[in-house]
């Protein structure tokens, strides 16, 4: 729910005719990671991810855990964000 609402703001006027504003998406993803990392250890566990879902659109946890070690680092989270929200020139406008 939080992610869906925030992406609506990012995709809105700041994105213009080119599609997503990638810098805004990455900044949002960084802040979101910090918010859902409940124990503030720099790692997102499956449990933290599930607690944060709240019924909104979220990427499956397994797609975020790029090295399959059972936790997601902020670096992995940002890489996954870029993967799911590619640069505007490679994407159809909404």
PDB file of N, CA and C in Angstrom:
ATOM      1  N   UNK A   1       0.823  -1.177   0.000  1.00  0.00           N
ATOM      2  CA  UNK A   1       0.000   0.000   0.000  1.00  0.00           C
ATOM      3  C   UNK A   1       0.877   1.255   0.000  1.00  0.00           C
ATOM      4  N   UNK A   2       1.841   1.331   0.895  1.00  0.00           N
ATOM      5  CA  UNK A   2       2.756   2.461   0.946  1.00  0.00           C
ATOM      6  C   UNK A   2       3.541   2.573  -0.352  1.00  0.00           C
ATOM      7  N   UNK A   3       4.069   1.458  -0.832  1.00  0.00           N
ATOM      8  CA  UNK A   3       4.840   1.459  -2.065  1.00  0.00           C
ATOM      9  C   UNK A   3       3.982   1.879  -3.248  1.00  0.00           C
ATOM     10  N   UNK A   4       2.773   1.387  -3.340  1.00  0.00           N
ATOM     11  CA  UNK A   4       1.886   1.716  -4.446  1.00  0.00           C
ATOM     12  C   UNK A   4       1.586   3.204  -4.461  1.00  0.00           C
ATOM     13  N   UNK A   5       1.266   3.774  -3.330  1.00  0.00           N
ATOM     14  CA  UNK A   5       0.960   5.201  -3.244  1.00  0.00           C
ATOM     15  C   UNK A   5       2.177   6.037  -3.600  1.00  0.00           C
ATOM     16  N   UNK A   6       3.334   5.673  -3.096  1.00  0.00           N
ATOM     17  CA  UNK A   6       4.544   6.434  -3.361  1.00  0.00           C
ATOM     18  C   UNK A   6       4.939   6.352  -4.822  1.00  0.00           C
ATOM     19  N   UNK A   7       4.803   5.196  -5.434  1.00  0.00           N
ATOM     20  CA  UNK A   7       5.126   5.085  -6.846  1.00  0.00           C
ATOM     21  C   UNK A   7       4.197   5.948  -7.679  1.00  0.00           C
ATOM     22  N   UNK A   8       2.960   6.109  -7.250  1.00  0.00           N
ATOM     23  CA  UNK A   8       2.042   7.006  -7.945  1.00  0.00           C
ATOM     24  C   UNK A   8       2.561   8.426  -7.941  1.00  0.00           C
ATOM     25  N   UNK A   9       3.158   8.845  -6.841  1.00  0.00           N
ATOM     26  CA  UNK A   9       3.745  10.173  -6.769  1.00  0.00           C
ATOM     27  C   UNK A   9       4.979  10.287  -7.649  1.00  0.00           C
ATOM     28  N   UNK A  10       5.796   9.250  -7.676  1.00  0.00           N
ATOM     29  CA  UNK A  10       7.020   9.257  -8.471  1.00  0.00           C
ATOM     30  C   UNK A  10       6.712   9.252  -9.958  1.00  0.00           C
ATOM     31  N   UNK A  11       5.719   8.482 -10.351  1.00  0.00           N
ATOM     32  CA  UNK A  11       5.384   8.345 -11.768  1.00  0.00           C
ATOM     33  C   UNK A  11       4.638   9.568 -12.275  1.00  0.00           C
ATOM     34  N   UNK A  12       4.106  10.359 -11.372  1.00  0.00           N
ATOM     35  CA  UNK A  12       3.321  11.527 -11.740  1.00  0.00           C
ATOM     36  C   UNK A  12       4.117  12.588 -12.466  1.00  0.00           C
ATOM     37  N   UNK A  13       3.911  13.856 -12.164  1.00  0.00           N
ATOM     38  CA  UNK A  13       4.494  14.966 -12.908  1.00  0.00           C
ATOM     39  C   UNK A  13       6.010  14.953 -13.006  1.00  0.00           C
ATOM     40  N   UNK A  14       6.705  14.469 -11.992  1.00  0.00           N
ATOM     41  CA  UNK A  14       8.174  14.471 -12.025  1.00  0.00           C
ATOM     42  C   UNK A  14       8.725  13.584 -13.126  1.00  0.00           C
ATOM     43  N   UNK A  15       7.966  12.585 -13.531  1.00  0.00           N
ATOM     44  CA  UNK A  15       8.451  11.649 -14.531  1.00  0.00           C
ATOM     45  C   UNK A  15       8.298  12.190 -15.936  1.00  0.00           C
ATOM     46  N   UNK A  16       7.349  13.068 -16.152  1.00  0.00           N
ATOM     47  CA  UNK A  16       7.141  13.636 -17.476  1.00  0.00           C
ATOM     48  C   UNK A  16       6.773  12.577 -18.491  1.00  0.00           C
ATOM     49  N   UNK A  17       6.998  12.883 -19.758  1.00  0.00           N
ATOM     50  CA  UNK A  17       6.602  11.991 -20.841  1.00  0.00           C
ATOM     51  C   UNK A  17       7.553  10.820 -21.008  1.00  0.00           C
ATOM     52  N   UNK A  18       8.685  10.837 -20.328  1.00  0.00           N
ATOM     53  CA  UNK A  18       9.679   9.788 -20.508  1.00  0.00           C
ATOM     54  C   UNK A  18       9.406   8.544 -19.673  1.00  0.00           C
ATOM     55  N   UNK A  19       8.486   8.573 -18.735  1.00  0.00           N
ATOM     56  CA  UNK A  19       8.218   7.406 -17.896  1.00  0.00           C
ATOM     57  C   UNK A  19       8.671   7.649 -16.476  1.00  0.00           C
ATOM     58  N   UNK A  20       9.302   6.655 -15.877  1.00  0.00           N
ATOM     59  CA  UNK A  20       9.718   6.735 -14.479  1.00  0.00           C
ATOM     60  C   UNK A  20      10.881   7.695 -14.279  1.00  0.00           C
ATOM     61  N   UNK A  21      10.901   8.363 -13.143  1.00  0.00           N
ATOM     62  CA  UNK A  21      12.029   9.159 -12.693  1.00  0.00           C
ATOM     63  C   UNK A  21      12.913   8.221 -11.872  1.00  0.00           C
ATOM     64  N   UNK A  22      13.943   7.668 -12.508  1.00  0.00           N
ATOM     65  CA  UNK A  22      14.752   6.619 -11.879  1.00  0.00           C
ATOM     66  C   UNK A  22      15.453   7.087 -10.612  1.00  0.00           C
ATOM     67  N   UNK A  23      15.943   8.306 -10.601  1.00  0.00           N
ATOM     68  CA  UNK A  23      16.601   8.821  -9.401  1.00  0.00           C
ATOM     69  C   UNK A  23      15.649   8.887  -8.229  1.00  0.00           C
ATOM     70  N   UNK A  24      14.420   9.315  -8.489  1.00  0.00           N
ATOM     71  CA  UNK A  24      13.415   9.388  -7.428  1.00  0.00           C
ATOM     72  C   UNK A  24      13.046   7.994  -6.939  1.00  0.00           C
ATOM     73  N   UNK A  25      12.969   7.039  -7.842  1.00  0.00           N
ATOM     74  CA  UNK A  25      12.646   5.663  -7.460  1.00  0.00           C
ATOM     75  C   UNK A  25      13.744   5.096  -6.567  1.00  0.00           C
ATOM     76  N   UNK A  26      15.004   5.307  -6.937  1.00  0.00           N
ATOM     77  CA  UNK A  26      16.109   4.789  -6.130  1.00  0.00           C
ATOM     78  C   UNK A  26      16.166   5.472  -4.765  1.00  0.00           C
ATOM     79  N   UNK A  27      15.917   6.774  -4.715  1.00  0.00           N
ATOM     80  CA  UNK A  27      15.902   7.481  -3.433  1.00  0.00           C
ATOM     81  C   UNK A  27      14.774   6.956  -2.557  1.00  0.00           C
ATOM     82  N   UNK A  28      13.611   6.740  -3.171  1.00  0.00           N
ATOM     83  CA  UNK A  28      12.477   6.194  -2.426  1.00  0.00           C
ATOM     84  C   UNK A  28      12.807   4.783  -1.926  1.00  0.00           C
ATOM     85  N   UNK A  29      13.402   3.954  -2.786  1.00  0.00           N
ATOM     86  CA  UNK A  29      13.733   2.578  -2.404  1.00  0.00           C
ATOM     87  C   UNK A  29      14.709   2.564  -1.229  1.00  0.00           C
ATOM     88  N   UNK A  30      15.659   3.476  -1.232  1.00  0.00           N
ATOM     89  CA  UNK A  30      16.624   3.556  -0.134  1.00  0.00           C
ATOM     90  C   UNK A  30      15.915   3.911   1.174  1.00  0.00           C
ATOM     91  N   UNK A  31      15.020   4.887   1.120  1.00  0.00           N
ATOM     92  CA  UNK A  31      14.274   5.272   2.325  1.00  0.00           C
ATOM     93  C   UNK A  31      13.336   4.150   2.767  1.00  0.00           C
ATOM     94  N   UNK A  32      12.709   3.483   1.797  1.00  0.00           N
ATOM     95  CA  UNK A  32      11.803   2.389   2.131  1.00  0.00           C
ATOM     96  C   UNK A  32      12.562   1.249   2.801  1.00  0.00           C
ATOM     97  N   UNK A  33      13.732   0.905   2.268  1.00  0.00           N
ATOM     98  CA  UNK A  33      14.550  -0.144   2.884  1.00  0.00           C
ATOM     99  C   UNK A  33      14.826   0.204   4.342  1.00  0.00           C
ATOM    100  N   UNK A  34      15.245   1.446   4.588  1.00  0.00           N
ATOM    101  CA  UNK A  34      15.545   1.868   5.963  1.00  0.00           C
ATOM    102  C   UNK A  34      14.317   1.750   6.856  1.00  0.00           C
ATOM    103  N   UNK A  35      13.159   2.025   6.308  1.00  0.00           N
ATOM    104  CA  UNK A  35      11.927   1.983   7.088  1.00  0.00           C
ATOM    105  C   UNK A  35      11.481   0.551   7.410  1.00  0.00           C
ATOM    106  N   UNK A  36      11.657  -0.362   6.470  1.00  0.00           N
ATOM    107  CA  UNK A  36      11.180  -1.727   6.704  1.00  0.00           C
ATOM    108  C   UNK A  36      12.229  -2.633   7.343  1.00  0.00           C
ATOM    109  N   UNK A  37      13.464  -2.166   7.441  1.00  0.00           N
ATOM    110  CA  UNK A  37      14.509  -2.884   8.183  1.00  0.00           C
ATOM    111  C   UNK A  37      14.277  -2.613   9.663  1.00  0.00           C
ATOM    112  N   UNK A  38      13.339  -3.348  10.232  1.00  0.00           N
ATOM    113  CA  UNK A  38      12.826  -3.044  11.567  1.00  0.00           C
ATOM    114  C   UNK A  38      13.875  -3.079  12.669  1.00  0.00           C
ATOM    115  N   UNK A  39      14.842  -3.983  12.569  1.00  0.00           N
ATOM    116  CA  UNK A  39      15.861  -4.057  13.630  1.00  0.00           C
ATOM    117  C   UNK A  39      17.100  -3.218  13.300  1.00  0.00           C
ATOM    118  N   UNK A  40      17.051  -2.508  12.194  1.00  0.00           N
ATOM    119  CA  UNK A  40      18.113  -1.570  11.786  1.00  0.00           C
ATOM    120  C   UNK A  40      19.495  -2.215  11.702  1.00  0.00           C
ATOM    121  N   UNK A  41      19.523  -3.484  11.244  1.00  0.00           N
ATOM    122  CA  UNK A  41      20.818  -4.160  11.133  1.00  0.00           C
ATOM    123  C   UNK A  41      21.385  -4.104   9.713  1.00  0.00           C
ATOM    124  N   UNK A  42      20.690  -3.421   8.799  1.00  0.00           N
ATOM    125  CA  UNK A  42      21.175  -3.304   7.428  1.00  0.00           C
ATOM    126  C   UNK A  42      20.825  -4.495   6.553  1.00  0.00           C
ATOM    127  N   UNK A  43      20.037  -5.419   7.102  1.00  0.00           N
ATOM    128  CA  UNK A  43      19.618  -6.610   6.366  1.00  0.00           C
ATOM    129  C   UNK A  43      18.106  -6.728   6.442  1.00  0.00           C
ATOM    130  N   UNK A  44      17.495  -7.021   5.328  1.00  0.00           N
ATOM    131  CA  UNK A  44      16.056  -7.219   5.284  1.00  0.00           C
ATOM    132  C   UNK A  44      15.775  -8.711   5.282  1.00  0.00           C
ATOM    133  N   UNK A  45      15.114  -9.171   6.334  1.00  0.00           N
ATOM    134  CA  UNK A  45      14.765 -10.587   6.422  1.00  0.00           C
ATOM    135  C   UNK A  45      13.409 -10.823   5.767  1.00  0.00           C
ATOM    136  N   UNK A  46      13.117 -12.078   5.516  1.00  0.00           N
ATOM    137  CA  UNK A  46      11.825 -12.433   4.951  1.00  0.00           C
ATOM    138  C   UNK A  46      10.707 -11.975   5.889  1.00  0.00           C
ATOM    139  N   UNK A  47      10.899 -12.144   7.184  1.00  0.00           N
ATOM    140  CA  UNK A  47       9.888 -11.741   8.162  1.00  0.00           C
ATOM    141  C   UNK A  47       9.644 -10.227   8.116  1.00  0.00           C
ATOM    142  N   UNK A  48      10.709  -9.427   8.047  1.00  0.00           N
ATOM    143  CA  UNK A  48      10.548  -7.968   7.965  1.00  0.00           C
ATOM    144  C   UNK A  48       9.807  -7.584   6.678  1.00  0.00           C
ATOM    145  N   UNK A  49      10.152  -8.242   5.600  1.00  0.00           N
ATOM    146  CA  UNK A  49       9.504  -7.978   4.316  1.00  0.00           C
ATOM    147  C   UNK A  49       8.015  -8.280   4.399  1.00  0.00           C
ATOM    148  N   UNK A  50       7.658  -9.405   4.981  1.00  0.00           N
ATOM    149  CA  UNK A  50       6.253  -9.798   5.101  1.00  0.00           C
ATOM    150  C   UNK A  50       5.491  -8.829   6.001  1.00  0.00           C
ATOM    151  N   UNK A  51       6.101  -8.384   7.086  1.00  0.00           N
ATOM    152  CA  UNK A  51       5.446  -7.440   7.986  1.00  0.00           C
ATOM    153  C   UNK A  51       5.160  -6.118   7.278  1.00  0.00           C
ATOM    154  N   UNK A  52       6.033  -5.724   6.385  1.00  0.00           N
ATOM    155  CA  UNK A  52       5.897  -4.436   5.707  1.00  0.00           C
ATOM    156  C   UNK A  52       4.925  -4.467   4.534  1.00  0.00           C
ATOM    157  N   UNK A  53       4.595  -5.638   4.046  1.00  0.00           N
ATOM    158  CA  UNK A  53       3.769  -5.736   2.839  1.00  0.00           C
ATOM    159  C   UNK A  53       2.445  -5.007   2.957  1.00  0.00           C
ATOM    160  N   UNK A  54       1.718  -5.225   4.005  1.00  0.00           N
ATOM    161  CA  UNK A  54       0.487  -4.499   4.248  1.00  0.00           C
ATOM    162  C   UNK A  54      -0.547  -4.534   3.136  1.00  0.00           C
ATOM    163  N   UNK A  55      -0.535  -5.535   2.300  1.00  0.00           N
ATOM    164  CA  UNK A  55      -1.549  -5.664   1.271  1.00  0.00           C
ATOM    165  C   UNK A  55      -1.259  -4.913  -0.019  1.00  0.00           C
ATOM    166  N   UNK A  56      -0.188  -4.146  -0.065  1.00  0.00           N
ATOM    167  CA  UNK A  56       0.141  -3.408  -1.285  1.00  0.00           C
ATOM    168  C   UNK A  56       0.946  -4.249  -2.253  1.00  0.00           C
ATOM    169  N   UNK A  57       1.334  -3.642  -3.360  1.00  0.00           N
ATOM    170  CA  UNK A  57       2.149  -4.344  -4.341  1.00  0.00           C
ATOM    171  C   UNK A  57       3.577  -4.417  -3.839  1.00  0.00           C
ATOM    172  N   UNK A  58       4.126  -5.612  -3.787  1.00  0.00           N
ATOM    173  CA  UNK A  58       5.513  -5.810  -3.397  1.00  0.00           C
ATOM    174  C   UNK A  58       6.117  -6.905  -4.258  1.00  0.00           C
ATOM    175  N   UNK A  59       7.363  -6.769  -4.554  1.00  0.00           N
ATOM    176  CA  UNK A  59       8.104  -7.790  -5.281  1.00  0.00           C
ATOM    177  C   UNK A  59       8.318  -8.977  -4.346  1.00  0.00           C
ATOM    178  N   UNK A  60       8.244 -10.169  -4.880  1.00  0.00           N
ATOM    179  CA  UNK A  60       8.488 -11.370  -4.069  1.00  0.00           C
ATOM    180  C   UNK A  60       9.882 -11.304  -3.451  1.00  0.00           C
ATOM    181  N   UNK A  61       9.974 -11.723  -2.209  1.00  0.00           N
ATOM    182  CA  UNK A  61      11.230 -11.657  -1.458  1.00  0.00           C
ATOM    183  C   UNK A  61      12.363 -12.380  -2.189  1.00  0.00           C
ATOM    184  N   UNK A  62      12.068 -13.532  -2.759  1.00  0.00           N
ATOM    185  CA  UNK A  62      13.097 -14.310  -3.455  1.00  0.00           C
ATOM    186  C   UNK A  62      13.731 -13.571  -4.619  1.00  0.00           C
ATOM    187  N   UNK A  63      13.009 -12.631  -5.222  1.00  0.00           N
ATOM    188  CA  UNK A  63      13.561 -11.841  -6.320  1.00  0.00           C
ATOM    189  C   UNK A  63      14.474 -10.729  -5.822  1.00  0.00           C
ATOM    190  N   UNK A  64      14.354 -10.382  -4.556  1.00  0.00           N
ATOM    191  CA  UNK A  64      15.210  -9.357  -3.959  1.00  0.00           C
ATOM    192  C   UNK A  64      16.524  -9.942  -3.455  1.00  0.00           C
ATOM    193  N   UNK A  65      16.491 -11.182  -2.998  1.00  0.00           N
ATOM    194  CA  UNK A  65      17.665 -11.850  -2.429  1.00  0.00           C
ATOM    195  C   UNK A  65      18.525 -12.381  -3.582  1.00  0.00           C
ATOM    196  N   UNK A  66      19.302 -11.501  -4.175  1.00  0.00           N
ATOM    197  CA  UNK A  66      20.018 -11.811  -5.411  1.00  0.00           C
ATOM    198  C   UNK A  66      21.073 -12.897  -5.247  1.00  0.00           C
ATOM    199  N   UNK A  67      21.739 -12.957  -4.094  1.00  0.00           N
ATOM    200  CA  UNK A  67      22.773 -13.987  -3.906  1.00  0.00           C
ATOM    201  C   UNK A  67      22.254 -15.203  -3.152  1.00  0.00           C
ATOM    202  N   UNK A  68      20.954 -15.229  -2.888  1.00  0.00           N
ATOM    203  CA  UNK A  68      20.270 -16.382  -2.268  1.00  0.00           C
ATOM    204  C   UNK A  68      20.869 -16.801  -0.924  1.00  0.00           C
ATOM    205  N   UNK A  69      21.256 -15.804  -0.119  1.00  0.00           N
ATOM    206  CA  UNK A  69      21.814 -16.138   1.195  1.00  0.00           C
ATOM    207  C   UNK A  69      20.788 -16.012   2.331  1.00  0.00           C
ATOM    208  N   UNK A  70      19.538 -15.712   1.985  1.00  0.00           N
ATOM    209  CA  UNK A  70      18.481 -15.663   2.984  1.00  0.00           C
ATOM    210  C   UNK A  70      18.191 -14.288   3.556  1.00  0.00           C
ATOM    211  N   UNK A  71      18.995 -13.293   3.214  1.00  0.00           N
ATOM    212  CA  UNK A  71      18.752 -11.910   3.636  1.00  0.00           C
ATOM    213  C   UNK A  71      19.002 -10.979   2.446  1.00  0.00           C
ATOM    214  N   UNK A  72      18.411  -9.798   2.517  1.00  0.00           N
ATOM    215  CA  UNK A  72      18.571  -8.815   1.446  1.00  0.00           C
ATOM    216  C   UNK A  72      19.310  -7.609   2.013  1.00  0.00           C
ATOM    217  N   UNK A  73      20.443  -7.266   1.406  1.00  0.00           N
ATOM    218  CA  UNK A  73      21.175  -6.068   1.794  1.00  0.00           C
ATOM    219  C   UNK A  73      20.566  -4.871   1.066  1.00  0.00           C
ATOM    220  N   UNK A  74      20.927  -3.676   1.505  1.00  0.00           N
ATOM    221  CA  UNK A  74      20.432  -2.480   0.817  1.00  0.00           C
ATOM    222  C   UNK A  74      20.943  -2.467  -0.623  1.00  0.00           C
ATOM    223  N   UNK A  75      22.174  -2.899  -0.837  1.00  0.00           N
ATOM    224  CA  UNK A  75      22.723  -2.944  -2.201  1.00  0.00           C
ATOM    225  C   UNK A  75      21.890  -3.866  -3.086  1.00  0.00           C
ATOM    226  N   UNK A  76      21.531  -5.048  -2.581  1.00  0.00           N
ATOM    227  CA  UNK A  76      20.683  -5.960  -3.350  1.00  0.00           C
ATOM    228  C   UNK A  76      19.319  -5.330  -3.625  1.00  0.00           C
ATOM    229  N   UNK A  77      18.783  -4.657  -2.630  1.00  0.00           N
ATOM    230  CA  UNK A  77      17.473  -4.024  -2.752  1.00  0.00           C
ATOM    231  C   UNK A  77      17.492  -2.965  -3.849  1.00  0.00           C
ATOM    232  N   UNK A  78      18.564  -2.176  -3.898  1.00  0.00           N
ATOM    233  CA  UNK A  78      18.669  -1.128  -4.919  1.00  0.00           C
ATOM    234  C   UNK A  78      18.895  -1.715  -6.304  1.00  0.00           C
ATOM    235  N   UNK A  79      19.682  -2.788  -6.405  1.00  0.00           N
ATOM    236  CA  UNK A  79      19.868  -3.466  -7.693  1.00  0.00           C
ATOM    237  C   UNK A  79      18.532  -4.010  -8.191  1.00  0.00           C
ATOM    238  N   UNK A  80      17.778  -4.643  -7.294  1.00  0.00           N
ATOM    239  CA  UNK A  80      16.469  -5.177  -7.672  1.00  0.00           C
ATOM    240  C   UNK A  80      15.530  -4.053  -8.092  1.00  0.00           C
ATOM    241  N   UNK A  81      15.605  -2.915  -7.409  1.00  0.00           N
ATOM    242  CA  UNK A  81      14.784  -1.763  -7.785  1.00  0.00           C
ATOM    243  C   UNK A  81      15.097  -1.326  -9.208  1.00  0.00           C
ATOM    244  N   UNK A  82      16.376  -1.226  -9.536  1.00  0.00           N
ATOM    245  CA  UNK A  82      16.754  -0.845 -10.910  1.00  0.00           C
ATOM    246  C   UNK A  82      16.275  -1.883 -11.909  1.00  0.00           C
ATOM    247  N   UNK A  83      16.301  -3.142 -11.530  1.00  0.00           N
ATOM    248  CA  UNK A  83      15.865  -4.223 -12.410  1.00  0.00           C
ATOM    249  C   UNK A  83      14.368  -4.140 -12.703  1.00  0.00           C
ATOM    250  N   UNK A  84      13.580  -3.831 -11.675  1.00  0.00           N
ATOM    251  CA  UNK A  84      12.132  -3.779 -11.839  1.00  0.00           C
ATOM    252  C   UNK A  84      11.631  -2.433 -12.336  1.00  0.00           C
ATOM    253  N   UNK A  85      12.461  -1.403 -12.281  1.00  0.00           N
ATOM    254  CA  UNK A  85      12.112  -0.075 -12.788  1.00  0.00           C
ATOM    255  C   UNK A  85      13.271   0.411 -13.655  1.00  0.00           C
ATOM    256  N   UNK A  86      13.388  -0.123 -14.877  1.00  0.00           N
ATOM    257  CA  UNK A  86      14.504   0.235 -15.745  1.00  0.00           C
ATOM    258  C   UNK A  86      14.453   1.700 -16.158  1.00  0.00           C
ATOM    259  N   UNK A  87      15.556   2.222 -16.699  1.00  0.00           N
ATOM    260  CA  UNK A  87      15.602   3.623 -17.131  1.00  0.00           C
ATOM    261  C   UNK A  87      14.435   3.956 -18.068  1.00  0.00           C
ATOM    262  N   UNK A  88      14.047   5.216 -18.035  1.00  0.00           N
ATOM    263  CA  UNK A  88      12.875   5.677 -18.777  1.00  0.00           C
ATOM    264  C   UNK A  88      12.970   5.373 -20.276  1.00  0.00           C
ATOM    265  N   UNK A  89      14.158   5.459 -20.842  1.00  0.00           N
ATOM    266  CA  UNK A  89      14.263   5.259 -22.293  1.00  0.00           C
ATOM    267  C   UNK A  89      14.025   3.803 -22.702  1.00  0.00           C
ATOM    268  N   UNK A  90      14.036   2.881 -21.741  1.00  0.00           N
ATOM    269  CA  UNK A  90      13.801   1.471 -22.041  1.00  0.00           C
ATOM    270  C   UNK A  90      12.388   1.047 -21.650  1.00  0.00           C
ATOM    271  N   UNK A  91      11.564   1.973 -21.313  1.00  0.00           N
ATOM    272  CA  UNK A  91      10.267   1.635 -20.744  1.00  0.00           C
ATOM    273  C   UNK A  91       9.160   2.452 -21.409  1.00  0.00           C
ATOM    274  N   UNK A  92       7.999   1.883 -21.518  1.00  0.00           N
ATOM    275  CA  UNK A  92       6.856   2.601 -22.073  1.00  0.00           C
ATOM    276  C   UNK A  92       6.338   3.580 -21.044  1.00  0.00           C
ATOM    277  N   UNK A  93       5.958   4.801 -21.467  1.00  0.00           N
ATOM    278  CA  UNK A  93       5.340   5.736 -20.522  1.00  0.00           C
ATOM    279  C   UNK A  93       4.019   5.178 -20.003  1.00  0.00           C
ATOM    280  N   UNK A  94       3.666   5.597 -18.827  1.00  0.00           N
ATOM    281  CA  UNK A  94       2.424   5.142 -18.219  1.00  0.00           C
ATOM    282  C   UNK A  94       1.318   6.132 -18.506  1.00  0.00           C
TER     283      UNK A  94
END
